[in-house]
Amino acid sequence: MLLAIDIGNTNISIGVFEDKRLWKRYSIPAKEKKYSAQLQKIFRQNKIHDAIICSVVPSVTKILAKDIERLLGQPPYIIGKDIVVPINNLYRKPRQVGQDRLVNAYAGIMLYGAPLIVVDFGTAVTFDLVSKDKAYLGGMILPGLEISLDALAERTALLPKIKLTRPEEFIGRDTKNSMLSGIIYGFSSLADSLIKKLKQKLGKNAQVIATGGNISLISNYCRKINKINRDLTLQGLCLLFLRHNI
């Protein structure tokens, strides 16, 4: 079985694959730092033969890579180091693009075709564009839902720190629901508006794929999304591993 790990700023998403099938899914909050114990548990529960990592947190990559090598007897493949995402990257400075964004773009191409817009509602909200000839064009980076909600509490005197959930109503009738409504409806409207403008550049037939840790909270409020795939990054890692090892 293949262990695919997506190391984000908020969560570490882990998938166990048998061929192309996602067999099991795990999530570890990045701030917990109990990586070794969690990995040992996953290895006990599954017959892992290989591992692949995509990361935007280099310090965590080093820790997990060492643990995996100890448990597996061989180092994991690391995206950007051991495996380069096979996509024509048209970023002005290609090395600046987050590897997770390239993996998402590659997975989108392989699973849904091109042209394509991938929207990732994670710690940050990213929009990534793929042209009809399957080139990575670039995109947008915005503060994520939780970052924005936390900023309201941190940068104001009277607004409270609250948990990100769905609002009870569109027009908030208390402070908590006013904040939640602003975040959920505000970001969904923002996403729909940007998708509309991006399609004017990319073409009306471009598919819009949404993923990320907060997709379940916001997907019902977005009207311009065609497909929802919360495991897009993990599936991309699996596809890249299989391509590399054919």
Protein backbone atom coordinates (compact mmCIF):
# COMPACT_ATOMS: atom_id res chain seq x y z
CA MET A 1 0.00 0.00 0.00
CA LEU A 2 1.04 3.61 -0.62
CA LEU A 3 1.07 6.23 2.13
CA ALA A 4 0.36 9.68 0.67
CA ILE A 5 0.89 12.68 2.94
CA ASP A 6 -0.17 16.28 2.29
CA ILE A 7 1.47 18.54 4.89
CA GLY A 8 -0.44 21.79 5.21
CA ASN A 9 -0.21 24.70 7.61
CA THR A 10 -3.33 23.68 9.55
CA ASN A 11 -3.69 19.93 8.99
CA ILE A 12 -1.65 16.98 7.80
CA SER A 13 -3.86 14.91 5.50
CA ILE A 14 -2.89 11.28 5.05
CA GLY A 15 -4.26 8.73 2.60
CA VAL A 16 -3.58 5.02 2.30
CA PHE A 17 -3.92 3.80 -1.30
CA GLU A 18 -4.18 0.35 -2.80
CA ASP A 19 -3.38 0.95 -6.45
CA LYS A 20 -5.54 4.03 -7.26
CA ARG A 21 -8.13 3.36 -4.59
CA LEU A 22 -8.12 5.54 -1.48
CA TRP A 23 -8.47 2.89 1.20
CA LYS A 24 -8.23 4.96 4.38
CA ARG A 25 -8.00 8.62 5.28
CA TYR A 26 -6.43 10.25 8.34
CA SER A 27 -6.00 13.84 9.50
CA ILE A 28 -3.56 15.18 12.10
CA PRO A 29 -3.80 18.81 13.30
CA ALA A 30 -0.43 20.38 12.49
CA LYS A 31 -0.18 22.07 15.88
CA GLU A 32 -0.46 18.77 17.81
CA LYS A 33 3.06 17.68 16.82
CA LYS A 34 2.31 14.05 17.76
CA TYR A 35 3.47 12.90 14.37
CA SER A 36 5.57 9.90 15.39
CA ALA A 37 2.86 8.25 17.48
CA GLN A 38 0.23 8.79 14.79
CA LEU A 39 2.49 7.39 12.06
CA GLN A 40 3.32 4.32 14.12
CA LYS A 41 -0.40 3.66 14.54
CA ILE A 42 -1.03 4.03 10.80
CA PHE A 43 1.84 1.67 9.97
CA ARG A 44 0.50 -0.91 12.42
CA GLN A 45 -2.94 -0.77 10.82
CA ASN A 46 -1.79 -0.93 7.19
CA LYS A 47 0.81 -2.77 5.10
CA ILE A 48 2.69 0.26 3.84
CA HIS A 49 5.32 -0.39 1.15
CA ASP A 50 5.98 3.14 -0.14
CA ALA A 51 5.37 6.74 0.90
CA ILE A 52 5.12 10.09 -0.85
CA ILE A 53 4.98 13.58 0.66
CA CYS A 54 3.82 16.97 -0.57
CA SER A 55 4.51 19.78 1.87
CA VAL A 56 4.32 23.53 2.41
CA VAL A 57 5.96 23.26 5.86
CA PRO A 58 9.64 22.24 5.47
CA SER A 59 10.25 21.78 9.21
CA VAL A 60 7.47 19.19 9.45
CA THR A 61 8.66 17.49 6.27
CA LYS A 62 12.01 16.72 7.89
CA ILE A 63 10.38 15.20 10.97
CA LEU A 64 7.93 13.02 9.05
CA ALA A 65 10.52 11.94 6.47
CA LYS A 66 12.82 10.68 9.24
CA ASP A 67 9.96 8.85 10.97
CA ILE A 68 8.84 7.23 7.72
CA GLU A 69 12.36 6.12 6.84
CA ARG A 70 12.68 4.54 10.27
CA LEU A 71 9.32 2.75 10.01
CA LEU A 72 9.53 1.82 6.34
CA GLY A 73 13.23 1.14 5.94
CA GLN A 74 13.46 3.57 3.02
CA PRO A 75 12.92 7.32 2.59
CA PRO A 76 9.64 8.69 1.22
CA TYR A 77 9.41 10.36 -2.16
CA ILE A 78 9.16 14.13 -1.73
CA ILE A 79 7.40 16.22 -4.37
CA GLY A 80 9.69 18.87 -5.82
CA LYS A 81 12.81 16.98 -4.73
CA ASP A 82 12.44 13.34 -5.79
CA ILE A 83 9.46 13.75 -8.12
CA VAL A 84 8.87 16.84 -10.25
CA VAL A 85 5.24 17.48 -11.18
CA PRO A 86 5.13 16.98 -14.99
CA ILE A 87 3.32 20.15 -15.96
CA ASN A 88 4.34 23.13 -18.08
CA ASN A 89 4.71 25.74 -15.34
CA LEU A 90 4.28 29.26 -16.75
CA TYR A 91 4.80 31.05 -13.43
CA ARG A 92 7.25 33.93 -13.85
CA LYS A 93 9.49 32.24 -11.25
CA PRO A 94 8.41 28.57 -11.38
CA ARG A 95 10.07 27.62 -8.08
CA GLN A 96 7.80 30.03 -6.20
CA VAL A 97 4.69 27.94 -6.82
CA GLY A 98 3.62 25.80 -3.88
CA GLN A 99 4.02 22.11 -4.67
CA ASP A 100 0.48 21.47 -3.42
CA ARG A 101 -0.87 23.83 -6.06
CA LEU A 102 1.00 21.99 -8.82
CA VAL A 103 -0.15 18.62 -7.50
CA ASN A 104 -3.76 19.87 -7.50
CA ALA A 105 -3.39 21.13 -11.06
CA TYR A 106 -1.92 17.80 -12.20
CA ALA A 107 -4.63 15.82 -10.43
CA GLY A 108 -7.28 18.04 -11.97
CA ILE A 109 -5.91 17.45 -15.46
CA MET A 110 -5.70 13.69 -14.99
CA LEU A 111 -9.14 13.33 -13.40
CA TYR A 112 -11.20 16.02 -15.15
CA GLY A 113 -9.30 17.31 -18.17
CA ALA A 114 -8.46 20.87 -19.21
CA PRO A 115 -9.06 23.82 -19.22
CA LEU A 116 -9.50 23.87 -15.49
CA ILE A 117 -9.81 26.05 -12.41
CA VAL A 118 -8.92 24.50 -9.05
CA VAL A 119 -10.16 26.30 -5.94
CA ASP A 120 -8.59 25.14 -2.68
CA PHE A 121 -10.34 26.29 0.49
CA GLY A 122 -7.49 25.58 2.90
CA THR A 123 -5.48 27.70 5.33
CA ALA A 124 -5.25 30.06 2.39
CA VAL A 125 -7.77 30.10 -0.45
CA THR A 126 -6.05 29.53 -3.77
CA PHE A 127 -7.27 29.68 -7.36
CA ASP A 128 -5.13 27.81 -9.90
CA LEU A 129 -5.65 27.90 -13.65
CA VAL A 130 -4.77 25.28 -16.25
CA SER A 131 -5.05 26.13 -19.95
CA LYS A 132 -6.67 23.95 -22.61
CA ASP A 133 -3.18 22.74 -23.61
CA LYS A 134 -2.60 21.67 -19.97
CA ALA A 135 -0.17 24.41 -18.95
CA TYR A 136 -0.19 25.82 -15.42
CA LEU A 137 -0.93 29.52 -15.86
CA GLY A 138 -0.81 30.77 -12.26
CA GLY A 139 -3.63 31.98 -10.08
CA MET A 140 -4.57 33.81 -6.91
CA ILE A 141 -3.87 33.51 -3.18
CA LEU A 142 -6.26 34.89 -0.56
CA PRO A 143 -6.44 34.65 3.24
CA GLY A 144 -8.44 31.59 4.24
CA LEU A 145 -11.75 31.49 6.04
CA GLU A 146 -10.27 30.75 9.47
CA ILE A 147 -7.48 33.29 9.06
CA SER A 148 -10.06 35.94 8.20
CA LEU A 149 -12.33 34.98 11.09
CA ASP A 150 -9.43 34.99 13.55
CA ALA A 151 -8.28 38.38 12.26
CA LEU A 152 -11.65 39.91 13.18
CA ALA A 153 -11.09 38.92 16.81
CA GLU A 154 -7.39 39.77 16.89
CA ARG A 155 -7.64 43.17 15.19
CA THR A 156 -10.77 44.51 16.92
CA ALA A 157 -11.57 45.34 20.53
CA LEU A 158 -15.04 43.82 20.87
CA LEU A 159 -15.43 40.99 18.36
CA PRO A 160 -14.96 37.55 19.97
CA LYS A 161 -12.83 34.62 18.84
CA ILE A 162 -15.27 31.99 17.57
CA LYS A 163 -15.12 28.63 15.82
CA LEU A 164 -15.73 28.49 12.08
CA THR A 165 -19.12 26.86 11.46
CA ARG A 166 -22.09 27.42 9.17
CA PRO A 167 -24.17 30.48 10.08
CA GLU A 168 -27.70 29.93 11.36
CA GLU A 169 -29.07 32.70 9.15
CA PHE A 170 -28.13 34.88 6.20
CA ILE A 171 -28.72 38.14 8.05
CA GLY A 172 -26.97 37.70 11.38
CA ARG A 173 -29.02 38.73 14.41
CA ASP A 174 -26.22 38.37 16.92
CA THR A 175 -22.48 39.01 16.76
CA LYS A 176 -21.47 35.38 16.26
CA ASN A 177 -23.85 34.76 13.35
CA SER A 178 -23.07 38.14 11.81
CA MET A 179 -19.39 37.16 11.71
CA LEU A 180 -20.10 33.66 10.39
CA SER A 181 -22.51 34.94 7.75
CA GLY A 182 -19.95 37.49 6.61
CA ILE A 183 -17.26 34.84 6.27
CA ILE A 184 -19.31 32.05 4.65
CA TYR A 185 -21.52 34.13 2.36
CA GLY A 186 -18.76 36.63 1.73
CA PHE A 187 -16.22 34.03 0.63
CA SER A 188 -18.74 32.07 -1.43
CA SER A 189 -19.78 35.23 -3.28
CA LEU A 190 -16.14 36.17 -3.73
CA ALA A 191 -15.38 32.72 -5.13
CA ASP A 192 -18.31 32.83 -7.56
CA SER A 193 -17.35 36.32 -8.73
CA LEU A 194 -13.69 35.43 -9.28
CA ILE A 195 -14.59 32.18 -11.05
CA LYS A 196 -16.80 34.16 -13.43
CA LYS A 197 -13.96 36.56 -14.22
CA LEU A 198 -11.38 33.78 -14.53
CA LYS A 199 -13.60 31.92 -16.99
CA GLN A 200 -13.66 35.05 -19.15
CA LYS A 201 -9.89 34.64 -19.44
CA LEU A 202 -9.76 30.85 -19.61
CA GLY A 203 -12.93 30.01 -21.52
CA LYS A 204 -16.52 29.25 -20.54
CA ASN A 205 -15.97 25.49 -20.87
CA ALA A 206 -13.35 25.44 -18.09
CA GLN A 207 -14.33 23.07 -15.30
CA VAL A 208 -14.16 24.31 -11.71
CA ILE A 209 -12.96 21.80 -9.12
CA ALA A 210 -13.06 22.66 -5.42
CA THR A 211 -11.05 21.04 -2.65
CA GLY A 212 -9.47 21.86 0.72
CA GLY A 213 -10.17 21.43 4.41
CA ASN A 214 -13.04 23.92 4.50
CA ILE A 215 -14.81 22.79 1.34
CA SER A 216 -17.58 21.01 3.26
CA LEU A 217 -18.46 24.28 5.02
CA ILE A 218 -18.70 26.46 1.95
CA SER A 219 -19.53 24.26 -1.04
CA ASN A 220 -23.32 24.55 -0.65
CA TYR A 221 -23.07 28.32 -0.90
CA CYS A 222 -21.01 28.45 -4.12
CA ARG A 223 -22.88 28.31 -7.42
CA LYS A 224 -19.98 28.24 -9.89
CA ILE A 225 -18.28 25.03 -8.72
CA ASN A 226 -18.71 21.96 -10.98
CA LYS A 227 -17.01 19.24 -8.93
CA ILE A 228 -16.05 18.80 -5.28
CA ASN A 229 -13.11 16.55 -4.45
CA ARG A 230 -11.74 16.92 -0.94
CA ASP A 231 -9.07 14.29 -1.68
CA LEU A 232 -7.72 15.95 -4.83
CA THR A 233 -4.19 16.48 -3.46
CA LEU A 234 -3.92 12.95 -2.08
CA GLN A 235 -5.17 11.50 -5.37
CA GLY A 236 -2.64 13.63 -7.22
CA LEU A 237 0.14 12.23 -5.05
CA CYS A 238 -0.99 8.69 -5.80
CA LEU A 239 -1.09 9.38 -9.54
CA LEU A 240 2.37 10.94 -9.46
CA PHE A 241 3.78 7.98 -7.55
CA LEU A 242 2.29 5.49 -10.02
CA ARG A 243 3.59 7.50 -12.98
CA HIS A 244 7.07 7.65 -11.47
CA ASN A 245 7.17 3.92 -10.75
CA ILE A 246 5.75 2.48 -13.99
